[in-house]
Each structure stands twice: as structure tokens, then as C-alpha cells.
Amino acid sequence: TEPILSNTTIYAKWSPNIFAVRFFDREMQLGDTQYVSDGEEKFRVTKIDAPTRMGYTFDGWNTQQDGSGTTITSGATVSIVNNTELFAQWTPAIITLTFDPNNGTLSGNQTTLNVTYGNKYPALLNATRTGYTFKEWNTKAGGTGTSIAQGDTVALDTITTVYAIWTPVQSTLTLNTNGGSLPSGVSTTQT
């Protein structure tokens, strides 16, 4: 340094503060960080890819994890004056189930039911079929898919057709020979 020997004006040199804007998904995983200078008037939330979550719709960002803070949508312009954390907000998807009686008949006129992802299935539609007992509703007509029942947690995340699965009714036939006889080896009771 050199000594000051006469009147001198000294100028301050300033650097802007840099603040971090951190984006968190539903599991508190850091998805992205953007930086903004203190000298900038506004900051545009430019998180390129909205996060995705099975069975939910992304509703934007909030300054509180529980959604009780300030809501900020992607593309919004906001003032940032300190380090900020933004948390993804979600709404459970409404799933429409279409009921296919699979050669049976639905009771009543209703053929669809809206359910909320993550909630419990309410009472499901009833179906009947002559000569068969209703077994279950299933996402595959042959019964090899996912079965659903009242009280199960809704885990389907898209509009889905569910099919009635049937079990044939076992009947017993009793033969009355009315005084006659049956051939050897034939039982009077058949299933």
C-alpha cells in the first residue's frame, strides 16, 4: 500500500449478494438450484422441468413444505431478498374407473366411478351374471391384472377400465331313475 499524502477521494467497490433459490420435490430431494443477484429487481422462477409424481398433479411451488407459505407458479416473477427454498405442491389425481360387466349386467345405470389417488376405494358398482358368482373387479378381463375392492388404497394413476371376474356356479344334478336303474358306474348325483 502507498501512503496518502494529500486530500483523496476513496470510492467503495460493491459486489452484489448472491442468493440461492433451491427447489425441492415431495421427498425433500434437491431438484435444482438457481442463483439471483441482490441487485436484480425481480427473479423469474424458471425451473425448466416441473417435477412429476405418480398419481398427482403438480400445482406449483410454495415457500413452505406444507403449502402454508407463498405460492409461486413456474414462470412467475418474484422478489428474492435472501436464500429461498421452494417446495413442490401436489394435488391427488382424480381417476375415472369404467366398469365392464364382462358378459354380466351392471346394477343400475352407472358405469363409471371417480376415485382419488391415495384414498380408499368406496363401495364399487354391483354386477350380476346368470350361472356365475361375482369374484372381483380386475384391470384385466381375464383376471390376471390388479384386483380392486372397497377399502383398498387407490393406486391406479390413470383412467382405467375394470372388469367383473366370474366364477361358475357349481350345481348338483340328482338323477331319479323313477323305478329304473342306471348303467354300471353312473352315480345318481352329478356335479
N, C-alpha and C. Protein backbone atom coordinates (compact mmCIF):
# COMPACT_ATOMS: atom_id res chain seq x y z
N THR A 1 0.83 -1.18 0.00
CA THR A 1 0.00 0.00 0.00
C THR A 1 0.88 1.24 0.00
N GLU A 2 0.33 2.28 -0.58
CA GLU A 2 1.05 3.56 -0.63
C GLU A 2 0.43 4.51 0.37
N PRO A 3 1.23 5.36 0.99
CA PRO A 3 0.68 6.33 1.94
C PRO A 3 -0.10 7.42 1.18
N ILE A 4 -1.17 7.94 1.82
CA ILE A 4 -1.94 9.03 1.23
C ILE A 4 -1.31 10.33 1.72
N LEU A 5 -0.86 11.17 0.81
CA LEU A 5 -0.13 12.38 1.16
C LEU A 5 -0.94 13.65 0.91
N SER A 6 -2.11 13.53 0.30
CA SER A 6 -2.93 14.70 0.04
C SER A 6 -4.40 14.31 0.13
N ASN A 7 -5.28 15.32 0.00
CA ASN A 7 -6.70 15.01 0.03
C ASN A 7 -7.02 14.03 -1.11
N THR A 8 -7.73 12.97 -0.75
CA THR A 8 -8.02 11.91 -1.73
C THR A 8 -9.46 11.43 -1.54
N THR A 9 -10.12 11.21 -2.63
CA THR A 9 -11.46 10.62 -2.56
C THR A 9 -11.33 9.12 -2.78
N ILE A 10 -11.93 8.38 -1.88
CA ILE A 10 -11.88 6.92 -1.97
C ILE A 10 -13.29 6.43 -2.31
N TYR A 11 -13.40 5.59 -3.27
CA TYR A 11 -14.69 5.07 -3.71
C TYR A 11 -14.86 3.62 -3.26
N ALA A 12 -16.03 3.33 -2.77
CA ALA A 12 -16.34 1.95 -2.36
C ALA A 12 -16.62 1.12 -3.60
N LYS A 13 -16.21 -0.10 -3.57
CA LYS A 13 -16.50 -1.03 -4.66
C LYS A 13 -17.41 -2.10 -4.08
N TRP A 14 -18.56 -2.30 -4.74
CA TRP A 14 -19.57 -3.19 -4.21
C TRP A 14 -19.74 -4.40 -5.11
N SER A 15 -19.97 -5.53 -4.49
CA SER A 15 -20.34 -6.75 -5.20
C SER A 15 -21.73 -7.14 -4.73
N PRO A 16 -22.59 -7.51 -5.64
CA PRO A 16 -23.95 -7.88 -5.20
C PRO A 16 -23.93 -9.18 -4.41
N ASN A 17 -24.86 -9.28 -3.46
CA ASN A 17 -25.05 -10.55 -2.77
C ASN A 17 -25.67 -11.52 -3.77
N ILE A 18 -25.31 -12.76 -3.65
CA ILE A 18 -25.87 -13.80 -4.49
C ILE A 18 -26.72 -14.69 -3.59
N PHE A 19 -27.98 -14.86 -3.98
CA PHE A 19 -28.89 -15.70 -3.20
C PHE A 19 -29.22 -16.95 -3.99
N ALA A 20 -29.34 -18.05 -3.26
CA ALA A 20 -29.71 -19.32 -3.88
C ALA A 20 -31.21 -19.54 -3.76
N VAL A 21 -31.82 -19.98 -4.84
CA VAL A 21 -33.21 -20.41 -4.84
C VAL A 21 -33.16 -21.92 -5.06
N ARG A 22 -33.53 -22.67 -4.02
CA ARG A 22 -33.45 -24.14 -4.08
C ARG A 22 -34.85 -24.72 -4.26
N PHE A 23 -34.97 -25.69 -5.19
CA PHE A 23 -36.24 -26.34 -5.49
C PHE A 23 -36.21 -27.75 -4.91
N PHE A 24 -37.24 -28.10 -4.13
CA PHE A 24 -37.32 -29.42 -3.53
C PHE A 24 -38.57 -30.14 -4.02
N ASP A 25 -38.43 -31.47 -4.27
CA ASP A 25 -39.58 -32.26 -4.66
C ASP A 25 -40.29 -32.77 -3.42
N ARG A 26 -41.20 -33.72 -3.57
CA ARG A 26 -42.03 -34.21 -2.47
C ARG A 26 -41.24 -34.91 -1.37
N GLU A 27 -40.07 -35.43 -1.69
CA GLU A 27 -39.30 -36.19 -0.72
C GLU A 27 -38.13 -35.39 -0.18
N MET A 28 -38.24 -34.06 -0.30
CA MET A 28 -37.20 -33.15 0.16
C MET A 28 -35.86 -33.37 -0.56
N GLN A 29 -35.93 -33.92 -1.77
CA GLN A 29 -34.74 -34.07 -2.58
C GLN A 29 -34.53 -32.78 -3.36
N LEU A 30 -33.31 -32.29 -3.34
CA LEU A 30 -32.99 -31.07 -4.07
C LEU A 30 -33.03 -31.37 -5.55
N GLY A 31 -33.93 -30.71 -6.25
CA GLY A 31 -34.08 -30.94 -7.68
C GLY A 31 -33.26 -29.99 -8.51
N ASP A 32 -33.05 -28.77 -8.03
CA ASP A 32 -32.36 -27.77 -8.83
C ASP A 32 -32.05 -26.59 -7.91
N THR A 33 -31.04 -25.83 -8.27
CA THR A 33 -30.72 -24.58 -7.58
C THR A 33 -30.47 -23.52 -8.63
N GLN A 34 -31.08 -22.35 -8.45
CA GLN A 34 -30.83 -21.21 -9.32
C GLN A 34 -30.31 -20.08 -8.44
N TYR A 35 -29.54 -19.19 -9.03
CA TYR A 35 -28.93 -18.10 -8.27
C TYR A 35 -29.41 -16.76 -8.79
N VAL A 36 -29.56 -15.81 -7.87
CA VAL A 36 -30.03 -14.48 -8.23
C VAL A 36 -29.17 -13.46 -7.49
N SER A 37 -28.84 -12.38 -8.16
CA SER A 37 -28.05 -11.31 -7.54
C SER A 37 -28.98 -10.38 -6.78
N ASP A 38 -28.50 -9.86 -5.66
CA ASP A 38 -29.26 -8.95 -4.83
C ASP A 38 -29.67 -7.70 -5.61
N GLY A 39 -28.87 -7.30 -6.56
CA GLY A 39 -29.16 -6.10 -7.32
C GLY A 39 -30.26 -6.27 -8.36
N GLU A 40 -30.66 -7.50 -8.64
CA GLU A 40 -31.73 -7.72 -9.63
C GLU A 40 -33.06 -7.33 -9.02
N GLU A 41 -33.88 -6.65 -9.80
CA GLU A 41 -35.18 -6.21 -9.33
C GLU A 41 -36.10 -7.40 -9.05
N LYS A 42 -36.16 -8.32 -9.99
CA LYS A 42 -37.07 -9.45 -9.89
C LYS A 42 -36.34 -10.71 -10.34
N PHE A 43 -36.89 -11.83 -9.94
CA PHE A 43 -36.35 -13.12 -10.32
C PHE A 43 -37.47 -13.93 -10.94
N ARG A 44 -37.23 -14.49 -12.11
CA ARG A 44 -38.24 -15.32 -12.76
C ARG A 44 -37.97 -16.78 -12.40
N VAL A 45 -39.00 -17.43 -11.84
CA VAL A 45 -38.88 -18.84 -11.48
C VAL A 45 -38.88 -19.63 -12.79
N THR A 46 -37.71 -20.10 -13.18
CA THR A 46 -37.56 -20.74 -14.48
C THR A 46 -37.19 -22.21 -14.36
N LYS A 47 -37.67 -22.84 -13.32
CA LYS A 47 -37.43 -24.28 -13.21
C LYS A 47 -37.97 -24.91 -14.48
N ILE A 48 -37.08 -25.44 -15.31
CA ILE A 48 -37.46 -25.89 -16.65
C ILE A 48 -38.46 -27.04 -16.59
N ASP A 49 -38.13 -28.10 -15.89
CA ASP A 49 -38.99 -29.27 -15.86
C ASP A 49 -39.76 -29.32 -14.55
N ALA A 50 -41.07 -29.21 -14.63
CA ALA A 50 -41.89 -29.39 -13.43
C ALA A 50 -41.69 -30.82 -12.97
N PRO A 51 -41.59 -31.03 -11.67
CA PRO A 51 -41.41 -32.41 -11.19
C PRO A 51 -42.66 -33.24 -11.47
N THR A 52 -42.50 -34.53 -11.50
CA THR A 52 -43.64 -35.42 -11.70
C THR A 52 -43.75 -36.36 -10.51
N ARG A 53 -44.95 -36.81 -10.28
CA ARG A 53 -45.22 -37.73 -9.18
C ARG A 53 -46.41 -38.59 -9.58
N MET A 54 -46.23 -39.90 -9.51
CA MET A 54 -47.30 -40.81 -9.91
C MET A 54 -48.56 -40.54 -9.10
N GLY A 55 -49.68 -40.35 -9.82
CA GLY A 55 -50.96 -40.18 -9.17
C GLY A 55 -51.26 -38.77 -8.69
N TYR A 56 -50.40 -37.81 -9.02
CA TYR A 56 -50.58 -36.44 -8.55
C TYR A 56 -50.39 -35.45 -9.68
N THR A 57 -50.99 -34.27 -9.51
CA THR A 57 -50.81 -33.15 -10.42
C THR A 57 -49.95 -32.11 -9.73
N PHE A 58 -48.95 -31.61 -10.44
CA PHE A 58 -48.07 -30.57 -9.90
C PHE A 58 -48.82 -29.24 -9.88
N ASP A 59 -48.86 -28.57 -8.70
CA ASP A 59 -49.60 -27.33 -8.54
C ASP A 59 -48.72 -26.09 -8.43
N GLY A 60 -47.43 -26.23 -8.57
CA GLY A 60 -46.54 -25.08 -8.44
C GLY A 60 -45.64 -25.23 -7.22
N TRP A 61 -45.05 -24.12 -6.82
CA TRP A 61 -44.08 -24.10 -5.73
C TRP A 61 -44.63 -23.30 -4.57
N ASN A 62 -44.14 -23.58 -3.35
CA ASN A 62 -44.53 -22.83 -2.17
C ASN A 62 -43.31 -22.64 -1.30
N THR A 63 -43.30 -21.54 -0.55
CA THR A 63 -42.16 -21.26 0.31
C THR A 63 -42.16 -22.11 1.57
N GLN A 64 -43.25 -22.85 1.81
CA GLN A 64 -43.33 -23.77 2.95
C GLN A 64 -43.64 -25.17 2.44
N GLN A 65 -43.03 -26.16 3.04
CA GLN A 65 -43.23 -27.54 2.60
C GLN A 65 -44.70 -27.96 2.69
N ASP A 66 -45.40 -27.49 3.71
CA ASP A 66 -46.80 -27.88 3.89
C ASP A 66 -47.78 -27.04 3.07
N GLY A 67 -47.26 -26.12 2.26
CA GLY A 67 -48.11 -25.30 1.40
C GLY A 67 -48.71 -24.08 2.06
N SER A 68 -48.33 -23.80 3.30
CA SER A 68 -48.93 -22.67 4.03
C SER A 68 -48.23 -21.34 3.75
N GLY A 69 -47.17 -21.35 2.96
CA GLY A 69 -46.45 -20.11 2.66
C GLY A 69 -46.97 -19.45 1.40
N THR A 70 -46.09 -18.77 0.70
CA THR A 70 -46.44 -18.08 -0.53
C THR A 70 -46.36 -19.04 -1.70
N THR A 71 -47.44 -19.10 -2.49
CA THR A 71 -47.48 -19.97 -3.67
C THR A 71 -46.84 -19.25 -4.85
N ILE A 72 -45.99 -19.97 -5.57
CA ILE A 72 -45.30 -19.40 -6.73
C ILE A 72 -45.44 -20.40 -7.87
N THR A 73 -45.96 -19.95 -8.98
CA THR A 73 -46.10 -20.82 -10.14
C THR A 73 -44.87 -20.68 -11.03
N SER A 74 -44.57 -21.74 -11.79
CA SER A 74 -43.44 -21.69 -12.72
C SER A 74 -43.65 -20.54 -13.69
N GLY A 75 -42.60 -19.77 -13.93
CA GLY A 75 -42.67 -18.63 -14.83
C GLY A 75 -43.03 -17.34 -14.13
N ALA A 76 -43.44 -17.41 -12.86
CA ALA A 76 -43.80 -16.19 -12.12
C ALA A 76 -42.55 -15.37 -11.83
N THR A 77 -42.73 -14.07 -11.69
CA THR A 77 -41.63 -13.17 -11.34
C THR A 77 -41.82 -12.75 -9.90
N VAL A 78 -40.77 -12.97 -9.07
CA VAL A 78 -40.85 -12.67 -7.64
C VAL A 78 -39.60 -11.94 -7.20
N SER A 79 -39.69 -11.21 -6.10
CA SER A 79 -38.52 -10.57 -5.50
C SER A 79 -37.84 -11.56 -4.58
N ILE A 80 -36.55 -11.68 -4.72
CA ILE A 80 -35.76 -12.58 -3.87
C ILE A 80 -34.79 -11.69 -3.09
N VAL A 81 -34.88 -11.72 -1.76
CA VAL A 81 -34.02 -10.88 -0.93
C VAL A 81 -33.16 -11.69 0.04
N ASN A 82 -33.24 -13.00 -0.05
CA ASN A 82 -32.38 -13.87 0.75
C ASN A 82 -32.42 -15.27 0.14
N ASN A 83 -31.64 -16.19 0.69
CA ASN A 83 -31.69 -17.56 0.20
C ASN A 83 -33.11 -18.08 0.39
N THR A 84 -33.62 -18.78 -0.62
CA THR A 84 -35.02 -19.19 -0.61
C THR A 84 -35.14 -20.66 -0.98
N GLU A 85 -36.04 -21.35 -0.30
CA GLU A 85 -36.35 -22.73 -0.64
C GLU A 85 -37.78 -22.78 -1.15
N LEU A 86 -37.99 -23.48 -2.27
CA LEU A 86 -39.32 -23.65 -2.85
C LEU A 86 -39.64 -25.13 -2.89
N PHE A 87 -40.84 -25.47 -2.43
CA PHE A 87 -41.24 -26.86 -2.29
C PHE A 87 -42.37 -27.18 -3.28
N ALA A 88 -42.24 -28.30 -3.98
CA ALA A 88 -43.28 -28.74 -4.92
C ALA A 88 -44.57 -29.00 -4.16
N GLN A 89 -45.69 -28.58 -4.76
CA GLN A 89 -47.02 -28.80 -4.17
C GLN A 89 -47.81 -29.71 -5.11
N TRP A 90 -48.63 -30.58 -4.52
CA TRP A 90 -49.29 -31.64 -5.28
C TRP A 90 -50.77 -31.73 -4.93
N THR A 91 -51.57 -32.13 -5.92
CA THR A 91 -52.98 -32.46 -5.71
C THR A 91 -53.17 -33.90 -6.21
N PRO A 92 -53.78 -34.76 -5.38
CA PRO A 92 -54.03 -36.13 -5.84
C PRO A 92 -54.91 -36.13 -7.09
N ALA A 93 -54.58 -37.01 -8.02
CA ALA A 93 -55.34 -37.12 -9.27
C ALA A 93 -56.69 -37.77 -9.01
N ILE A 94 -57.68 -37.34 -9.77
CA ILE A 94 -58.99 -37.98 -9.77
C ILE A 94 -58.98 -38.98 -10.92
N ILE A 95 -59.18 -40.24 -10.60
CA ILE A 95 -59.13 -41.33 -11.57
C ILE A 95 -60.56 -41.79 -11.88
N THR A 96 -60.88 -41.92 -13.15
CA THR A 96 -62.19 -42.43 -13.55
C THR A 96 -62.08 -43.92 -13.85
N LEU A 97 -62.84 -44.70 -13.10
CA LEU A 97 -62.93 -46.14 -13.37
C LEU A 97 -64.16 -46.39 -14.22
N THR A 98 -63.99 -47.13 -15.30
CA THR A 98 -65.12 -47.56 -16.13
C THR A 98 -65.32 -49.04 -15.85
N PHE A 99 -66.54 -49.40 -15.50
CA PHE A 99 -66.85 -50.78 -15.12
C PHE A 99 -67.41 -51.55 -16.31
N ASP A 100 -66.75 -52.67 -16.65
CA ASP A 100 -67.18 -53.56 -17.72
C ASP A 100 -67.70 -54.83 -17.06
N PRO A 101 -68.99 -55.16 -17.22
CA PRO A 101 -69.54 -56.33 -16.54
C PRO A 101 -69.04 -57.66 -17.11
N ASN A 102 -68.30 -57.63 -18.23
CA ASN A 102 -67.64 -58.85 -18.73
C ASN A 102 -68.64 -59.99 -18.90
N ASN A 103 -69.64 -59.77 -19.77
CA ASN A 103 -70.73 -60.72 -20.05
C ASN A 103 -71.78 -60.79 -18.95
N GLY A 104 -71.69 -59.90 -17.99
CA GLY A 104 -72.71 -59.81 -16.95
C GLY A 104 -73.51 -58.53 -17.15
N THR A 105 -74.18 -58.09 -16.10
CA THR A 105 -75.01 -56.89 -16.14
C THR A 105 -74.70 -56.04 -14.92
N LEU A 106 -74.51 -54.73 -15.15
CA LEU A 106 -74.33 -53.82 -14.03
C LEU A 106 -75.68 -53.50 -13.41
N SER A 107 -75.70 -53.35 -12.10
CA SER A 107 -76.93 -52.94 -11.40
C SER A 107 -77.07 -51.43 -11.55
N GLY A 108 -78.21 -50.96 -12.01
CA GLY A 108 -78.44 -49.53 -12.17
C GLY A 108 -77.84 -49.01 -13.47
N ASN A 109 -77.86 -47.69 -13.63
CA ASN A 109 -77.40 -47.06 -14.86
C ASN A 109 -75.97 -46.58 -14.81
N GLN A 110 -75.36 -46.57 -13.66
CA GLN A 110 -74.00 -46.05 -13.50
C GLN A 110 -72.98 -47.01 -14.10
N THR A 111 -72.02 -46.48 -14.88
CA THR A 111 -70.96 -47.31 -15.47
C THR A 111 -69.58 -46.83 -15.09
N THR A 112 -69.49 -45.65 -14.47
CA THR A 112 -68.18 -45.10 -14.09
C THR A 112 -68.22 -44.66 -12.63
N LEU A 113 -67.03 -44.51 -12.07
CA LEU A 113 -66.88 -44.04 -10.70
C LEU A 113 -65.57 -43.26 -10.62
N ASN A 114 -65.61 -42.06 -10.05
CA ASN A 114 -64.39 -41.27 -9.85
C ASN A 114 -63.84 -41.56 -8.47
N VAL A 115 -62.54 -41.83 -8.41
CA VAL A 115 -61.85 -42.10 -7.16
C VAL A 115 -60.61 -41.21 -7.09
N THR A 116 -60.13 -40.95 -5.88
CA THR A 116 -58.98 -40.09 -5.68
C THR A 116 -57.75 -40.94 -5.36
N TYR A 117 -56.68 -40.71 -6.12
CA TYR A 117 -55.43 -41.44 -5.91
C TYR A 117 -54.99 -41.31 -4.45
N GLY A 118 -54.61 -42.43 -3.85
CA GLY A 118 -54.12 -42.44 -2.47
C GLY A 118 -55.21 -42.61 -1.43
N ASN A 119 -56.47 -42.38 -1.79
CA ASN A 119 -57.59 -42.60 -0.87
C ASN A 119 -58.05 -44.05 -0.96
N LYS A 120 -59.03 -44.39 -0.15
CA LYS A 120 -59.61 -45.74 -0.18
C LYS A 120 -60.73 -45.80 -1.22
N TYR A 121 -60.86 -46.96 -1.87
CA TYR A 121 -61.98 -47.16 -2.78
C TYR A 121 -63.28 -47.16 -1.97
N PRO A 122 -64.29 -46.43 -2.45
CA PRO A 122 -65.60 -46.50 -1.81
C PRO A 122 -66.30 -47.79 -2.27
N ALA A 123 -67.59 -47.92 -1.95
CA ALA A 123 -68.36 -49.05 -2.45
C ALA A 123 -68.30 -49.03 -3.98
N LEU A 124 -67.98 -50.17 -4.57
CA LEU A 124 -67.86 -50.28 -6.02
C LEU A 124 -69.20 -50.70 -6.62
N LEU A 125 -69.31 -50.62 -7.93
CA LEU A 125 -70.57 -50.98 -8.59
C LEU A 125 -70.83 -52.48 -8.46
N ASN A 126 -72.10 -52.84 -8.50
CA ASN A 126 -72.51 -54.24 -8.42
C ASN A 126 -72.81 -54.77 -9.81
N ALA A 127 -72.48 -56.05 -10.00
CA ALA A 127 -72.76 -56.71 -11.28
C ALA A 127 -73.30 -58.11 -10.99
N THR A 128 -74.10 -58.61 -11.92
CA THR A 128 -74.64 -59.97 -11.79
C THR A 128 -74.48 -60.69 -13.13
N ARG A 129 -74.49 -62.02 -13.06
CA ARG A 129 -74.42 -62.85 -14.27
C ARG A 129 -75.06 -64.19 -13.95
N THR A 130 -76.02 -64.57 -14.74
CA THR A 130 -76.73 -65.82 -14.53
C THR A 130 -75.75 -67.00 -14.63
N GLY A 131 -75.80 -67.86 -13.62
CA GLY A 131 -74.96 -69.06 -13.60
C GLY A 131 -73.56 -68.82 -13.06
N TYR A 132 -73.29 -67.60 -12.59
CA TYR A 132 -71.96 -67.26 -12.10
C TYR A 132 -72.06 -66.49 -10.79
N THR A 133 -70.98 -66.57 -10.01
CA THR A 133 -70.83 -65.79 -8.79
C THR A 133 -69.76 -64.73 -9.05
N PHE A 134 -70.05 -63.49 -8.63
CA PHE A 134 -69.07 -62.41 -8.79
C PHE A 134 -67.88 -62.69 -7.90
N LYS A 135 -66.67 -62.59 -8.46
CA LYS A 135 -65.44 -62.83 -7.70
C LYS A 135 -64.78 -61.51 -7.32
N GLU A 136 -64.55 -60.62 -8.33
CA GLU A 136 -63.83 -59.37 -8.06
C GLU A 136 -63.89 -58.45 -9.26
N TRP A 137 -63.43 -57.20 -9.08
CA TRP A 137 -63.15 -56.29 -10.18
C TRP A 137 -61.66 -56.36 -10.42
N ASN A 138 -61.25 -56.39 -11.72
CA ASN A 138 -59.85 -56.56 -12.07
C ASN A 138 -59.52 -55.69 -13.28
N THR A 139 -58.28 -55.25 -13.38
CA THR A 139 -57.87 -54.39 -14.51
C THR A 139 -57.68 -55.17 -15.80
N LYS A 140 -57.76 -56.49 -15.77
CA LYS A 140 -57.67 -57.33 -16.98
C LYS A 140 -58.92 -58.20 -17.05
N ALA A 141 -59.48 -58.32 -18.26
CA ALA A 141 -60.72 -59.07 -18.45
C ALA A 141 -60.58 -60.53 -18.03
N GLY A 142 -59.39 -61.09 -18.13
CA GLY A 142 -59.17 -62.48 -17.74
C GLY A 142 -58.83 -62.66 -16.27
N GLY A 143 -58.76 -61.57 -15.51
CA GLY A 143 -58.48 -61.66 -14.08
C GLY A 143 -57.01 -61.72 -13.73
N THR A 144 -56.12 -61.43 -14.70
CA THR A 144 -54.67 -61.52 -14.43
C THR A 144 -54.04 -60.17 -14.08
N GLY A 145 -54.87 -59.13 -13.99
CA GLY A 145 -54.35 -57.80 -13.68
C GLY A 145 -54.42 -57.52 -12.19
N THR A 146 -54.61 -56.26 -11.86
CA THR A 146 -54.71 -55.82 -10.47
C THR A 146 -56.17 -55.88 -10.03
N SER A 147 -56.42 -56.57 -8.92
CA SER A 147 -57.79 -56.61 -8.41
C SER A 147 -58.01 -55.42 -7.48
N ILE A 148 -59.23 -54.90 -7.49
CA ILE A 148 -59.55 -53.78 -6.61
C ILE A 148 -60.80 -54.13 -5.82
N ALA A 149 -60.88 -53.60 -4.61
CA ALA A 149 -62.04 -53.86 -3.75
C ALA A 149 -62.27 -52.65 -2.85
N GLN A 150 -63.48 -52.53 -2.37
CA GLN A 150 -63.81 -51.46 -1.44
C GLN A 150 -62.84 -51.50 -0.27
N GLY A 151 -62.30 -50.34 0.11
CA GLY A 151 -61.37 -50.25 1.23
C GLY A 151 -59.91 -50.33 0.84
N ASP A 152 -59.62 -50.85 -0.37
CA ASP A 152 -58.24 -50.85 -0.85
C ASP A 152 -57.81 -49.41 -1.13
N THR A 153 -56.51 -49.16 -1.09
CA THR A 153 -55.98 -47.84 -1.43
C THR A 153 -55.89 -47.71 -2.94
N VAL A 154 -56.38 -46.58 -3.47
CA VAL A 154 -56.34 -46.33 -4.91
C VAL A 154 -54.88 -46.15 -5.32
N ALA A 155 -54.38 -47.06 -6.16
CA ALA A 155 -53.00 -46.99 -6.64
C ALA A 155 -52.94 -46.87 -8.15
N LEU A 156 -54.09 -46.92 -8.82
CA LEU A 156 -54.11 -46.71 -10.27
C LEU A 156 -53.95 -45.21 -10.51
N ASP A 157 -53.14 -44.84 -11.49
CA ASP A 157 -52.88 -43.42 -11.70
C ASP A 157 -53.37 -42.91 -13.05
N THR A 158 -54.21 -43.68 -13.70
CA THR A 158 -54.73 -43.27 -14.99
C THR A 158 -56.16 -43.79 -15.15
N ILE A 159 -56.90 -43.20 -16.06
CA ILE A 159 -58.25 -43.68 -16.34
C ILE A 159 -58.15 -45.16 -16.70
N THR A 160 -58.99 -45.96 -16.07
CA THR A 160 -58.85 -47.41 -16.19
C THR A 160 -60.21 -48.08 -16.34
N THR A 161 -60.27 -49.11 -17.16
CA THR A 161 -61.44 -49.98 -17.22
C THR A 161 -61.18 -51.16 -16.30
N VAL A 162 -62.17 -51.47 -15.47
CA VAL A 162 -62.07 -52.65 -14.61
C VAL A 162 -63.17 -53.62 -15.03
N TYR A 163 -62.86 -54.89 -14.96
CA TYR A 163 -63.72 -55.95 -15.48
C TYR A 163 -64.23 -56.83 -14.34
N ALA A 164 -65.49 -57.22 -14.45
CA ALA A 164 -66.04 -58.19 -13.50
C ALA A 164 -65.40 -59.55 -13.78
N ILE A 165 -64.99 -60.22 -12.73
CA ILE A 165 -64.42 -61.57 -12.86
C ILE A 165 -65.43 -62.52 -12.22
N TRP A 166 -65.73 -63.59 -12.94
CA TRP A 166 -66.81 -64.50 -12.57
C TRP A 166 -66.30 -65.90 -12.27
N THR A 167 -66.97 -66.58 -11.35
CA THR A 167 -66.73 -67.99 -11.04
C THR A 167 -68.02 -68.74 -11.35
N PRO A 168 -67.95 -69.81 -12.18
CA PRO A 168 -69.17 -70.56 -12.49
C PRO A 168 -69.79 -71.15 -11.21
N VAL A 169 -71.11 -71.11 -11.14
CA VAL A 169 -71.82 -71.70 -10.01
C VAL A 169 -71.79 -73.21 -10.18
N GLN A 170 -71.43 -73.91 -9.11
CA GLN A 170 -71.43 -75.37 -9.13
C GLN A 170 -72.83 -75.85 -8.78
N SER A 171 -73.42 -76.68 -9.63
CA SER A 171 -74.76 -77.22 -9.39
C SER A 171 -74.67 -78.73 -9.24
N THR A 172 -75.57 -79.25 -8.45
CA THR A 172 -75.65 -80.70 -8.28
C THR A 172 -76.91 -81.20 -8.96
N LEU A 173 -76.74 -82.21 -9.79
CA LEU A 173 -77.86 -82.81 -10.51
C LEU A 173 -78.07 -84.22 -9.92
N THR A 174 -79.26 -84.43 -9.44
CA THR A 174 -79.60 -85.75 -8.90
C THR A 174 -80.51 -86.44 -9.91
N LEU A 175 -80.11 -87.64 -10.34
CA LEU A 175 -80.89 -88.40 -11.32
C LEU A 175 -81.88 -89.29 -10.58
N ASN A 176 -83.14 -89.21 -10.97
CA ASN A 176 -84.17 -90.05 -10.40
C ASN A 176 -84.55 -91.06 -11.48
N THR A 177 -84.22 -92.30 -11.25
CA THR A 177 -84.47 -93.34 -12.25
C THR A 177 -85.94 -93.74 -12.31
N ASN A 178 -86.74 -93.25 -11.38
CA ASN A 178 -88.18 -93.49 -11.36
C ASN A 178 -88.50 -94.98 -11.54
N GLY A 179 -87.80 -95.77 -10.70
CA GLY A 179 -88.03 -97.21 -10.71
C GLY A 179 -87.08 -97.97 -11.61
N GLY A 180 -86.31 -97.26 -12.41
CA GLY A 180 -85.38 -97.93 -13.31
C GLY A 180 -84.00 -98.00 -12.68
N SER A 181 -83.00 -98.32 -13.47
CA SER A 181 -81.63 -98.40 -12.97
C SER A 181 -80.70 -97.70 -13.94
N LEU A 182 -79.57 -97.24 -13.38
CA LEU A 182 -78.54 -96.57 -14.17
C LEU A 182 -77.52 -97.59 -14.62
N PRO A 183 -76.84 -97.31 -15.70
CA PRO A 183 -75.77 -98.22 -16.12
C PRO A 183 -74.69 -98.30 -15.05
N SER A 184 -73.96 -99.35 -15.06
CA SER A 184 -72.91 -99.58 -14.09
C SER A 184 -71.90 -98.43 -14.12
N GLY A 185 -71.53 -97.91 -12.94
CA GLY A 185 -70.54 -96.84 -12.83
C GLY A 185 -71.11 -95.44 -12.90
N VAL A 186 -72.39 -95.30 -13.17
CA VAL A 186 -73.01 -93.97 -13.23
C VAL A 186 -73.69 -93.71 -11.90
N SER A 187 -73.33 -92.50 -11.30
CA SER A 187 -73.86 -92.13 -10.00
C SER A 187 -75.18 -91.40 -10.20
N THR A 188 -76.04 -91.50 -9.19
CA THR A 188 -77.31 -90.77 -9.26
C THR A 188 -77.12 -89.27 -8.99
N THR A 189 -75.91 -88.88 -8.54
CA THR A 189 -75.62 -87.46 -8.28
C THR A 189 -74.48 -87.01 -9.16
N GLN A 190 -74.69 -85.95 -9.91
CA GLN A 190 -73.69 -85.38 -10.81
C GLN A 190 -73.44 -83.92 -10.43
N THR A 191 -72.18 -83.48 -10.49
CA THR A 191 -71.87 -82.08 -10.21
C THR A 191 -71.49 -81.40 -11.51
